[in-house]
């Protein structure tokens, strides 16, 4: 039998005063008597084949029955199986019936308010009814990031191991803000981040056995924020509390927008955020010469340079800032250098890609997003710091209600002092499960497969005279466009905008765009876990088909 079926609305739906009938669990919010093993709905008698849960005084054959609880192990077991089946079917249908799942949602703003009630229900509703609403009302409003034909932005990678880790995390539901509140949560995070640091061949000072260590932030945005705060406090201890208006930071104009936000939150004056111009001559990586000139100029004006944000795998084009010369500059001036490798850092577990973070030994901090390309599901952003106390001293709080005695400062880790929030999830569970259930070599091969698929797409582009590849491809992102005709860049930008809109409106694939040196660029990023060569080939067929029609129509 299917859990939740009933003659009316299934689990716990109150239909007024009278009899309720169904197979499954029923809930009564008043006094109810069930004549047999059955469901009670509303006020009155309930008949059925299972359990009756009553929120007040209820009896079954004269016996007091169990009160409804927010957590019930048997209900969890039964409904949990239903939910796993629902999610597994979703993934299967993404592959088998793509026509039913437009990759880019086709709904209009405000669609959901028109089809959902104005207020929350007073009484329990059936899980079956809820999942029906998910299928018919929620899923049409989703952009399907896990679709094998999703090629926009960067992927939000999932995996069976990551999903199981999230499930276990949600089930255990511990809050490990200090070692005391869940010793295993803290100690597993320390160990797993040491494992991952070794896979990335990070310097020893990033390990827990060195002067620094790792912590899992929710996102790369949080990681950048906390190291900006740590660097700010470190420099202000030297320069004085009134030096904030003199502090200057540096990044390229390709750096993620979260860097600017982090600086503003940290009190850095917007006019003191130096975004250095990049161009195709460095494949949009930060020019070391420009950095050194900017630092020298600021010092001459009495400013205090204190932070450099280098990127490995920029959001626009997966550009790579040259860490070796940038790190030497940072070291020579005593400036904190952070390496944001949110996307591409994951690929550096592969020996052939590790070269892109050469020079990380001169960085003060380094982060990746394991939910982008290490199959750890949202959200999981490992951050490593060279000096743990720079981070702790900037973020620590010690209210009396969190105090407990340890014999020495380094005896335990209290991750509340490594992040903005107090509460924290047991994120290391899913990373641990991903590493164990796949092993490093399979993870490397997953990444290599995506890179090879991107190369496959790049080859298609290169073979079509109407298109051009715009930047050097390092990882699994291809930046391309319809080539300009007669050198007219304005018309070229317009044509590419129209092509993007047309392709995405089909719902068959989803790609995104960026702008480089004033050029409108199409981005094709491979990273969804279900993507195979046939999906890349079909995506190119769709792009080429619409481009051909577009070019033909323009000639008329």
Protein backbone atom coordinates (compact mmCIF):
# COMPACT_ATOMS: atom_id res chain seq x y z
CA UNK A 1 0.00 0.00 0.00
CA UNK A 2 1.09 3.57 -0.54
CA UNK A 3 1.73 5.60 2.58
CA UNK A 4 -0.67 8.48 2.85
CA UNK A 5 -3.59 7.28 0.74
CA UNK A 6 -7.04 8.02 2.04
CA UNK A 7 -10.61 8.38 0.94
CA UNK A 8 -10.27 12.12 1.35
CA UNK A 9 -6.97 13.88 1.77
CA UNK A 10 -4.74 11.28 3.43
CA UNK A 11 -2.53 12.00 6.38
CA UNK A 12 -4.19 14.08 9.01
CA UNK A 13 -6.35 16.27 6.84
CA UNK A 14 -9.23 17.61 8.89
CA UNK A 15 -12.41 17.62 6.89
CA UNK A 16 -14.81 18.85 9.55
CA UNK A 17 -16.94 16.90 11.96
CA UNK A 18 -17.56 13.32 11.00
CA UNK A 19 -15.81 10.15 10.00
CA UNK A 20 -12.38 9.96 8.45
CA UNK A 21 -11.11 6.98 6.55
CA UNK A 22 -7.68 6.18 5.15
CA UNK A 23 -4.59 4.05 5.07
CA UNK A 24 -1.73 5.67 6.94
CA UNK A 25 -1.27 7.88 9.95
CA UNK A 26 -3.95 10.26 11.10
CA UNK A 27 -3.83 13.18 13.45
CA UNK A 28 -6.56 14.67 15.63
CA UNK A 29 -6.31 18.05 17.25
CA UNK A 30 -9.13 17.54 19.73
CA UNK A 31 -10.82 14.68 21.52
CA UNK A 32 -11.25 11.76 19.20
CA UNK A 33 -12.10 8.12 19.50
CA UNK A 34 -10.93 5.67 16.87
CA UNK A 35 -12.87 2.45 16.52
CA UNK A 36 -10.01 0.14 15.67
CA UNK A 37 -6.52 0.75 14.36
CA UNK A 38 -7.35 3.77 12.36
CA UNK A 39 -7.09 7.36 11.42
CA UNK A 40 -8.88 10.19 13.12
CA UNK A 41 -9.64 13.27 11.10
CA UNK A 42 -11.22 16.24 12.82
CA UNK A 43 -13.65 15.66 15.60
CA UNK A 44 -15.33 12.30 15.49
CA UNK A 45 -14.62 8.71 14.60
CA UNK A 46 -11.84 7.47 12.38
CA UNK A 47 -11.54 4.12 10.70
CA UNK A 48 -8.51 2.72 8.94
CA UNK A 49 -5.67 0.26 8.98
CA UNK A 50 -2.85 1.91 10.87
CA UNK A 51 -1.96 4.26 13.69
CA UNK A 52 -3.92 7.08 15.23
CA UNK A 53 -2.08 10.05 16.67
CA UNK A 54 -3.99 12.50 18.82
CA UNK A 55 -2.84 15.89 20.02
CA UNK A 56 -5.12 15.89 23.03
CA UNK A 57 -6.88 13.01 24.76
CA UNK A 58 -7.64 10.19 22.37
CA UNK A 59 -8.55 6.55 22.76
CA UNK A 60 -8.54 3.49 20.59
CA UNK A 61 -10.76 0.71 21.99
CA UNK A 62 -10.58 2.37 25.34
CA UNK A 63 -6.79 2.64 25.34
CA UNK A 64 -4.92 5.93 25.36
CA UNK A 65 -3.15 6.43 22.03
CA UNK A 66 0.14 8.03 21.13
CA UNK A 67 0.29 11.79 20.86
CA UNK A 68 1.60 13.26 17.63
CA UNK A 69 5.29 14.20 17.92
CA UNK A 70 7.54 16.26 15.65
CA UNK A 71 10.00 13.34 15.48
CA UNK A 72 8.83 9.76 15.33
CA UNK A 73 11.28 7.06 14.25
CA UNK A 74 8.75 4.87 12.44
CA UNK A 75 7.17 7.80 10.64
CA UNK A 76 10.66 8.95 9.65
CA UNK A 77 11.47 5.51 8.33
CA UNK A 78 8.30 5.29 6.24
CA UNK A 79 8.17 8.86 4.98
CA UNK A 80 11.95 8.95 4.53
CA UNK A 81 11.72 6.05 2.07
CA UNK A 82 9.03 7.94 0.17
CA UNK A 83 11.19 11.05 0.01
CA UNK A 84 14.27 9.16 -1.18
CA UNK A 85 12.16 7.53 -3.90
CA UNK A 86 10.80 10.94 -4.90
CA UNK A 87 14.29 12.44 -5.23
CA UNK A 88 15.68 9.39 -7.04
CA UNK A 89 12.76 9.57 -9.49
CA UNK A 90 13.52 13.25 -10.04
CA UNK A 91 17.09 12.47 -11.08
CA UNK A 92 15.96 9.58 -13.27
CA UNK A 93 13.36 11.76 -14.97
CA UNK A 94 15.92 14.50 -15.62
CA UNK A 95 17.77 11.93 -17.71
CA UNK A 96 14.88 9.96 -19.23
CA UNK A 97 12.28 12.68 -19.80
CA UNK A 98 14.16 15.95 -20.35
CA UNK A 99 11.23 17.37 -22.31
CA UNK A 100 9.27 17.53 -19.05
CA UNK A 101 11.96 19.55 -17.28
CA UNK A 102 12.93 22.78 -19.07
CA UNK A 103 16.44 23.48 -17.82
CA UNK A 104 15.74 27.19 -17.39
CA UNK A 105 12.42 27.69 -15.62
CA UNK A 106 9.80 29.16 -17.93
CA UNK A 107 7.49 30.62 -15.25
CA UNK A 108 6.71 34.31 -14.80
CA UNK A 109 7.44 36.35 -11.64
CA UNK A 110 4.77 35.90 -8.98
CA UNK A 111 3.46 32.63 -10.43
CA UNK A 112 3.60 30.78 -7.11
CA UNK A 113 1.52 33.23 -5.09
CA UNK A 114 -1.39 32.64 -7.47
CA UNK A 115 -1.46 28.89 -6.84
CA UNK A 116 -0.65 28.56 -3.12
CA UNK A 117 -2.98 29.39 -0.20
CA UNK A 118 -2.75 32.73 1.55
CA UNK A 119 -1.99 31.18 4.95
CA UNK A 120 -0.50 28.07 6.53
CA UNK A 121 -2.77 25.09 7.31
CA UNK A 122 -4.11 24.63 10.85
CA UNK A 123 -4.01 20.85 10.61
CA UNK A 124 -1.57 18.32 9.15
CA UNK A 125 -1.69 17.63 5.45
CA UNK A 126 -0.71 14.39 3.68
CA UNK A 127 2.84 13.90 2.48
CA UNK A 128 1.42 12.56 -0.77
CA UNK A 129 -0.49 15.80 -1.30
CA UNK A 130 2.56 17.86 -0.45
CA UNK A 131 4.77 15.96 -2.91
CA UNK A 132 2.08 16.33 -5.54
CA UNK A 133 2.33 20.09 -5.00
CA UNK A 134 6.11 19.88 -5.29
CA UNK A 135 5.74 18.11 -8.64
CA UNK A 136 3.05 20.37 -10.04
CA UNK A 137 3.80 23.73 -8.46
CA UNK A 138 7.40 23.90 -7.24
CA UNK A 139 9.39 21.94 -9.82
CA UNK A 140 8.05 24.01 -12.75
CA UNK A 141 9.53 27.03 -10.99
CA UNK A 142 12.98 25.48 -10.67
CA UNK A 143 15.95 26.00 -12.92
CA UNK A 144 17.32 22.47 -12.98
CA UNK A 145 20.91 22.84 -11.87
CA UNK A 146 21.31 19.06 -11.85
CA UNK A 147 20.06 18.60 -15.40
CA UNK A 148 22.64 17.01 -17.71
CA UNK A 149 21.95 19.93 -20.06
CA UNK A 150 22.77 22.61 -17.48
CA UNK A 151 25.86 24.54 -18.63
CA UNK A 152 25.40 27.96 -16.99
CA UNK A 153 27.47 29.77 -14.33
CA UNK A 154 29.40 27.04 -12.51
CA UNK A 155 27.76 23.80 -11.48
CA UNK A 156 26.35 23.04 -8.06
CA UNK A 157 27.73 19.54 -8.03
CA UNK A 158 25.87 16.77 -6.27
CA UNK A 159 26.53 13.11 -5.67
CA UNK A 160 24.96 10.14 -3.93
CA UNK A 161 27.65 10.41 -1.25
CA UNK A 162 27.03 14.12 -0.79
CA UNK A 163 23.28 13.55 -0.56
CA UNK A 164 23.73 10.78 2.02
CA UNK A 165 26.03 13.04 4.01
CA UNK A 166 23.41 15.79 3.99
CA UNK A 167 20.80 13.27 5.08
CA UNK A 168 22.97 12.07 7.95
CA UNK A 169 23.78 15.65 8.91
CA UNK A 170 20.09 16.57 8.99
CA UNK A 171 19.23 13.43 10.94
CA UNK A 172 21.87 13.86 13.63
CA UNK A 173 21.28 17.63 13.67
CA UNK A 174 24.11 18.56 16.01
CA UNK A 175 25.30 22.12 16.50
CA UNK A 176 29.06 21.97 16.88
CA UNK A 177 30.02 25.55 17.61
CA UNK A 178 32.49 24.47 20.29
CA UNK A 179 34.38 21.23 20.79
CA UNK A 180 32.23 20.50 23.83
CA UNK A 181 28.94 20.73 21.96
CA UNK A 182 29.92 17.80 19.68
CA UNK A 183 33.54 16.68 19.89
CA UNK A 184 33.25 14.42 16.83
CA UNK A 185 31.90 17.26 14.68
CA UNK A 186 34.93 19.41 15.46
CA UNK A 187 37.54 16.67 15.28
CA UNK A 188 36.23 15.18 12.03
CA UNK A 189 36.34 18.62 10.39
CA UNK A 190 39.96 19.07 11.46
CA UNK A 191 40.93 15.65 10.12
CA UNK A 192 38.99 15.82 6.84
CA UNK A 193 40.39 19.25 5.99
CA UNK A 194 43.88 17.92 6.62
CA UNK A 195 43.07 15.08 4.21
CA UNK A 196 41.88 17.51 1.57
CA UNK A 197 44.84 19.85 2.11
CA UNK A 198 47.17 16.92 1.45
CA UNK A 199 45.28 16.00 -1.74
CA UNK A 200 45.80 19.61 -2.88
CA UNK A 201 49.45 19.50 -1.75
CA UNK A 202 48.98 22.64 0.32
CA UNK A 203 51.90 23.84 2.46
CA UNK A 204 52.31 22.29 5.91
CA UNK A 205 51.39 25.55 7.62
CA UNK A 206 47.82 25.09 6.37
CA UNK A 207 47.52 21.81 8.27
CA UNK A 208 46.16 21.51 11.80
CA UNK A 209 49.59 20.28 12.86
CA UNK A 210 51.11 23.56 11.71
CA UNK A 211 50.45 27.17 12.61
CA UNK A 212 47.15 27.34 10.77
CA UNK A 213 44.40 24.90 9.87
CA UNK A 214 41.14 24.49 8.03
CA UNK A 215 37.50 25.33 8.63
CA UNK A 216 34.41 24.71 6.50
CA UNK A 217 32.57 27.93 5.74
CA UNK A 218 29.13 27.92 4.16
CA UNK A 219 30.23 29.65 0.96
CA UNK A 220 33.24 31.24 -0.66
CA UNK A 221 31.66 34.61 0.10
CA UNK A 222 31.86 33.86 3.83
CA UNK A 223 35.43 32.61 3.44
CA UNK A 224 36.54 35.86 1.78
CA UNK A 225 34.75 37.94 4.42
CA UNK A 226 36.37 36.28 7.43
CA UNK A 227 39.90 36.55 6.03
CA UNK A 228 39.37 40.22 5.13
CA UNK A 229 38.34 40.79 8.75
CA UNK A 230 41.34 38.84 10.03
CA UNK A 231 43.75 40.77 7.82
CA UNK A 232 42.14 44.09 8.76
CA UNK A 233 42.48 43.44 12.48
CA UNK A 234 46.06 42.27 12.08
CA UNK A 235 47.13 45.44 10.31
CA UNK A 236 45.18 47.72 12.64
CA UNK A 237 47.05 46.31 15.62
CA UNK A 238 50.18 47.72 14.00
CA UNK A 239 48.82 50.86 12.37
CA UNK A 240 46.39 51.87 15.12
CA UNK A 241 42.63 51.84 15.59
CA UNK A 242 42.19 55.06 13.65
CA UNK A 243 43.84 53.76 10.49
CA UNK A 244 40.73 52.25 8.88
CA UNK A 245 40.31 55.04 6.33
CA UNK A 246 43.87 54.46 5.10
CA UNK A 247 43.55 50.72 4.48
CA UNK A 248 43.71 49.63 0.85
CA UNK A 249 42.90 46.29 -0.80
CA UNK A 250 43.76 44.91 -4.24
CA UNK A 251 42.18 42.47 -6.69
CA UNK A 252 41.62 42.24 -10.41
CA UNK A 253 38.55 43.50 -12.22
CA UNK A 254 37.67 39.80 -12.72
CA UNK A 255 37.48 39.06 -8.99
CA UNK A 256 34.15 37.79 -7.68
CA UNK A 257 31.75 40.50 -6.55
CA UNK A 258 31.69 39.04 -3.03
CA UNK A 259 35.16 40.55 -2.48
CA UNK A 260 33.81 44.08 -2.75
CA UNK A 261 30.93 43.18 -0.45
CA UNK A 262 33.31 41.66 2.11
CA UNK A 263 35.44 44.80 2.10
CA UNK A 264 32.44 47.08 2.59
CA UNK A 265 31.17 44.93 5.47
CA UNK A 266 34.65 45.15 6.96
CA UNK A 267 34.54 48.95 6.87
CA UNK A 268 36.97 49.41 4.01
CA UNK A 269 36.17 52.61 2.15
CA UNK A 270 34.89 51.86 -1.34
CA UNK A 271 37.35 54.27 -2.91
CA UNK A 272 40.15 52.21 -1.33
CA UNK A 273 39.20 49.04 -3.22
CA UNK A 274 41.63 48.76 -6.12
CA UNK A 275 40.35 46.54 -8.95
CA UNK A 276 43.22 46.24 -11.39
CA UNK A 277 42.41 46.17 -15.10
CA UNK A 278 42.95 42.93 -16.98
CA UNK A 279 42.86 42.09 -20.68
CA UNK A 280 43.44 39.32 -23.18
CA UNK A 281 47.23 39.76 -23.05
CA UNK A 282 47.26 37.92 -19.70
CA UNK A 283 44.14 35.86 -20.49
CA UNK A 284 42.42 38.09 -17.91
CA UNK A 285 44.74 37.18 -15.06
CA UNK A 286 45.94 39.90 -12.68
CA UNK A 287 49.11 41.62 -14.03
CA UNK A 288 51.84 41.58 -11.33
CA UNK A 289 53.35 44.78 -12.71
CA UNK A 290 50.05 46.63 -12.27
CA UNK A 291 49.80 45.37 -8.70
CA UNK A 292 53.28 46.51 -7.75
CA UNK A 293 52.73 49.91 -9.33
CA UNK A 294 49.43 50.36 -7.47
CA UNK A 295 51.00 49.41 -4.14
CA UNK A 296 53.94 51.78 -4.66
CA UNK A 297 51.60 54.60 -5.60
CA UNK A 298 49.39 54.06 -2.55
CA UNK A 299 52.35 53.93 -0.18
CA UNK A 300 53.60 57.21 -1.59
CA UNK A 301 50.19 58.76 -0.83
CA UNK A 302 50.18 57.56 2.76
CA UNK A 303 47.77 54.64 2.31
CA UNK A 304 48.28 51.28 3.99
CA UNK A 305 48.10 48.29 1.60
CA UNK A 306 47.00 45.25 3.61
CA UNK A 307 45.14 42.70 1.45
CA UNK A 308 45.44 41.10 -1.99
CA UNK A 309 42.76 38.77 -3.33
CA UNK A 310 44.09 36.49 -6.07
CA UNK A 311 41.78 34.16 -7.97
CA UNK A 312 42.32 30.75 -9.51
CA UNK A 313 39.38 30.24 -11.86
CA UNK A 314 37.54 33.56 -12.12
CA UNK A 315 33.77 33.62 -12.41
CA UNK A 316 33.71 35.18 -15.87
CA UNK A 317 36.26 33.12 -17.73
CA UNK A 318 38.10 30.80 -15.30
CA UNK A 319 41.17 33.03 -15.56
CA UNK A 320 44.11 32.23 -13.30
CA UNK A 321 46.00 34.93 -11.47
CA UNK A 322 49.77 34.21 -11.39
CA UNK A 323 50.28 33.26 -7.75
CA UNK A 324 54.07 32.99 -7.81
CA UNK A 325 54.85 36.65 -8.67
CA UNK A 326 51.80 37.95 -6.78
CA UNK A 327 52.85 36.02 -3.68
CA UNK A 328 56.36 37.41 -3.85
CA UNK A 329 54.98 40.95 -4.03
CA UNK A 330 52.66 40.31 -1.09
CA UNK A 331 55.48 38.85 0.97
CA UNK A 332 57.86 41.70 0.21
CA UNK A 333 55.33 44.30 1.44
CA UNK A 334 53.94 42.24 4.33
CA UNK A 335 50.47 42.14 2.76
CA UNK A 336 47.95 39.37 3.43
CA UNK A 337 47.32 37.41 0.22
CA UNK A 338 44.18 35.31 -0.09
CA UNK A 339 43.66 32.82 -2.91
CA UNK A 340 40.05 32.37 -3.94
CA UNK A 341 39.96 29.07 -5.83
CA UNK A 342 36.25 28.42 -5.31
CA UNK A 343 35.72 26.71 -8.65
CA UNK A 344 39.05 25.65 -10.10
CA UNK A 345 40.77 24.78 -6.84
CA UNK A 346 38.84 21.51 -6.80
CA UNK A 347 40.56 20.44 -10.02
CA UNK A 348 43.93 20.87 -8.33
CA UNK A 349 43.56 17.47 -6.66
CA UNK A 350 44.55 16.25 -10.16
CA UNK A 351 48.35 16.37 -10.63
CA UNK A 352 48.00 17.87 -14.11
CA UNK A 353 46.09 20.88 -12.72
CA UNK A 354 48.05 21.39 -9.49
CA UNK A 355 50.41 23.82 -11.29
CA UNK A 356 47.67 26.45 -11.25
CA UNK A 357 48.11 26.94 -7.51
CA UNK A 358 51.91 26.96 -7.55
CA UNK A 359 52.86 29.87 -5.32
CA UNK A 360 50.17 29.13 -2.73
CA UNK A 361 53.00 28.69 -0.23
CA UNK A 362 53.18 32.50 -0.03
CA UNK A 363 49.44 32.86 0.57
CA UNK A 364 47.99 33.59 4.00
CA UNK A 365 44.69 31.88 3.19
CA UNK A 366 43.14 29.67 0.53
CA UNK A 367 39.59 28.48 -0.17
CA UNK A 368 37.67 26.21 -2.50
CA UNK A 369 33.96 25.45 -2.86
CA UNK A 370 33.61 21.68 -2.58
CA UNK A 371 29.96 22.08 -3.59
CA UNK A 372 31.02 23.52 -6.95
CA UNK A 373 33.16 20.70 -8.29
CA UNK A 374 33.98 18.18 -5.57
CA UNK A 375 30.48 16.70 -5.43
CA UNK A 376 29.84 17.67 -1.80
CA UNK A 377 26.36 19.22 -2.32
CA UNK A 378 25.41 22.71 -1.15
CA UNK A 379 26.98 24.19 0.94
CA UNK A 380 30.61 23.35 1.71
CA UNK A 381 33.47 25.85 1.37
CA UNK A 382 36.75 24.72 2.94
CA UNK A 383 39.04 27.54 4.00
CA UNK A 384 42.62 27.18 5.18
CA UNK A 385 44.62 29.86 6.99
CA UNK A 386 48.33 30.11 7.62
CA UNK A 387 47.93 31.61 11.10
CA UNK A 388 44.87 30.37 12.96
CA UNK A 389 45.16 33.05 15.63
CA UNK A 390 44.80 35.88 13.12
CA UNK A 391 41.36 34.47 12.36
CA UNK A 392 40.45 33.55 15.94
CA UNK A 393 41.51 36.89 17.42
CA UNK A 394 39.33 38.74 14.88
CA UNK A 395 36.22 36.61 15.39
CA UNK A 396 36.29 35.17 18.92
CA UNK A 397 33.47 35.69 21.41
CA UNK A 398 33.55 34.38 24.96
CA UNK A 399 30.21 34.83 26.73
CA UNK A 400 29.91 33.12 30.09
CA UNK A 401 27.32 30.63 28.89
CA UNK A 402 29.82 29.19 26.38
CA UNK A 403 32.76 29.00 28.78
CA UNK A 404 34.38 25.71 29.69
CA UNK A 405 37.84 25.01 30.98
CA UNK A 406 40.69 23.52 29.00
CA UNK A 407 44.24 23.15 30.23
CA UNK A 408 45.80 25.07 27.32
CA UNK A 409 44.72 27.21 24.40
CA UNK A 410 45.52 24.70 21.64
CA UNK A 411 43.98 21.70 23.34
CA UNK A 412 40.70 21.96 21.40
CA UNK A 413 39.30 23.83 18.40
CA UNK A 414 36.20 25.99 18.85
CA UNK A 415 34.98 26.69 15.35
CA UNK A 416 32.62 29.43 16.49
CA UNK A 417 35.75 31.59 16.53
CA UNK A 418 36.62 30.77 12.93
CA UNK A 419 33.36 32.06 11.38
CA UNK A 420 30.73 34.80 11.54
CA UNK A 421 27.81 32.85 12.98
CA UNK A 422 27.66 30.88 16.21
CA UNK A 423 25.61 27.92 14.99
CA UNK A 424 27.17 25.59 12.47
CA UNK A 425 26.21 22.45 10.61
CA UNK A 426 28.12 19.17 10.64
CA UNK A 427 29.31 19.78 7.06
CA UNK A 428 32.44 17.66 7.38
CA UNK A 429 30.23 14.54 7.40
CA UNK A 430 29.37 14.86 3.72
CA UNK A 431 32.93 15.75 2.74
CA UNK A 432 34.17 12.74 4.68
CA UNK A 433 31.60 10.53 2.96
CA UNK A 434 32.48 11.89 -0.50
CA UNK A 435 36.17 11.21 0.08
CA UNK A 436 35.55 7.74 1.48
CA UNK A 437 32.77 6.48 -0.79
CA UNK A 438 34.51 7.60 -4.01
CA UNK A 439 38.18 7.81 -3.14
CA UNK A 440 40.56 10.43 -4.49
CA UNK A 441 41.17 8.70 -7.81
CA UNK A 442 37.49 8.53 -8.75
CA UNK A 443 37.04 12.18 -7.81
CA UNK A 444 39.96 13.05 -10.07
CA UNK A 445 38.37 11.08 -12.88
CA UNK A 446 35.00 12.82 -12.42
CA UNK A 447 36.77 16.15 -12.85
CA UNK A 448 38.82 14.93 -15.82
CA UNK A 449 35.64 13.73 -17.52
CA UNK A 450 34.15 17.22 -17.24
CA UNK A 451 37.32 18.84 -18.58
CA UNK A 452 37.34 16.43 -21.53
CA UNK A 453 33.69 17.19 -22.28
CA UNK A 454 34.51 20.92 -22.28
CA UNK A 455 37.35 20.25 -24.71
CA UNK A 456 34.90 18.31 -26.87
CA UNK A 457 32.63 21.38 -26.99
CA UNK A 458 35.60 23.69 -27.63
CA UNK A 459 36.52 21.56 -30.65
CA UNK A 460 33.00 21.97 -32.05
CA UNK A 461 33.28 25.75 -31.70
CA UNK A 462 36.72 25.88 -33.30
CA UNK A 463 35.49 23.93 -36.34
CA UNK A 464 32.67 26.39 -37.13
CA UNK A 465 33.80 29.52 -38.93
CA UNK A 466 30.81 31.47 -37.60
CA UNK A 467 32.07 31.12 -34.01
CA UNK A 468 35.25 31.82 -32.10
CA UNK A 469 36.75 30.69 -28.80
CA UNK A 470 37.51 33.87 -26.87
CA UNK A 471 39.86 32.82 -24.06
CA UNK A 472 42.26 30.01 -23.33
CA UNK A 473 40.39 27.12 -21.71
CA UNK A 474 42.12 25.87 -18.55
CA UNK A 475 39.38 23.76 -16.96
CA UNK A 476 35.78 22.90 -17.91
CA UNK A 477 34.58 26.34 -19.03
CA UNK A 478 34.53 27.40 -22.66
CA UNK A 479 34.11 31.10 -23.45
CA UNK A 480 32.93 31.60 -27.03
CA UNK A 481 30.75 33.77 -29.25
CA UNK A 482 29.41 34.30 -32.72
CA UNK A 483 32.32 36.00 -34.44
CA UNK A 484 31.97 39.64 -35.53
CA UNK A 485 31.19 40.41 -39.15
CA UNK A 486 33.32 43.13 -40.74
CA UNK A 487 34.74 43.99 -37.33
CA UNK A 488 31.48 45.45 -36.02
CA UNK A 489 31.64 44.71 -32.29
CA UNK A 490 28.37 46.43 -31.40
CA UNK A 491 26.37 44.31 -33.82
CA UNK A 492 28.32 41.26 -32.69
CA UNK A 493 27.32 41.87 -29.07
CA UNK A 494 23.69 42.31 -30.09
CA UNK A 495 23.69 39.07 -32.09
CA UNK A 496 25.17 37.11 -29.22
CA UNK A 497 22.63 38.50 -26.78
CA UNK A 498 19.84 37.42 -29.10
CA UNK A 499 21.38 34.00 -29.63
CA UNK A 500 21.65 33.47 -25.85
CA UNK A 501 18.03 34.43 -25.29
CA UNK A 502 16.81 32.23 -28.13
CA UNK A 503 18.78 29.16 -27.04
CA UNK A 504 17.76 29.45 -23.40
CA UNK A 505 14.10 30.01 -24.27
CA UNK A 506 13.96 26.50 -25.77
CA UNK A 507 14.29 25.03 -22.28
CA UNK A 508 16.50 22.30 -23.74
CA UNK A 509 19.78 23.73 -22.46
CA UNK A 510 20.88 26.61 -20.27
CA UNK A 511 24.05 28.63 -20.81
CA UNK A 512 25.07 31.99 -19.34
CA UNK A 513 27.17 34.96 -20.40
CA UNK A 514 29.78 37.44 -19.28
CA UNK A 515 31.57 40.50 -20.65
CA UNK A 516 35.29 40.65 -21.39
CA UNK A 517 36.94 43.80 -22.74
CA UNK A 518 33.54 45.13 -23.74
CA UNK A 519 32.63 41.95 -25.62
CA UNK A 520 29.46 39.97 -24.87
CA UNK A 521 30.67 36.40 -24.32
CA UNK A 522 28.77 33.12 -24.08
CA UNK A 523 29.84 30.70 -21.35
CA UNK A 524 29.57 26.91 -21.58
CA UNK A 525 30.49 25.35 -18.23
CA UNK A 526 30.48 21.57 -17.81
CA UNK A 527 30.01 20.31 -14.26
CA UNK A 528 26.59 18.75 -13.72
CA UNK A 529 27.02 15.18 -12.46
CA UNK A 530 24.70 13.62 -15.08
CA UNK A 531 26.31 15.28 -18.11
CA UNK A 532 27.70 12.96 -20.78
CA UNK A 533 29.13 13.44 -24.25
CA UNK A 534 25.69 13.08 -25.87
CA UNK A 535 24.42 16.07 -23.88
CA UNK A 536 27.34 18.23 -24.98
CA UNK A 537 26.84 17.18 -28.59
CA UNK A 538 23.11 17.94 -28.40
CA UNK A 539 23.82 21.32 -26.78
CA UNK A 540 26.12 22.25 -29.65
CA UNK A 541 23.52 21.08 -32.19
CA UNK A 542 20.93 23.39 -30.59
CA UNK A 543 23.32 26.36 -30.47
CA UNK A 544 24.49 25.80 -34.04
CA UNK A 545 20.94 25.31 -35.35
CA UNK A 546 19.68 28.58 -33.90
CA UNK A 547 22.85 30.42 -34.91
CA UNK A 548 22.43 29.21 -38.50
CA UNK A 549 18.79 30.33 -38.58
CA UNK A 550 19.78 33.62 -37.00
CA UNK A 551 22.56 34.27 -39.51
CA UNK A 552 20.33 33.28 -42.43
CA UNK A 553 17.51 35.59 -41.31
CA UNK A 554 19.88 38.49 -40.83
CA UNK A 555 21.04 38.17 -44.42
CA UNK A 556 17.50 38.55 -45.78
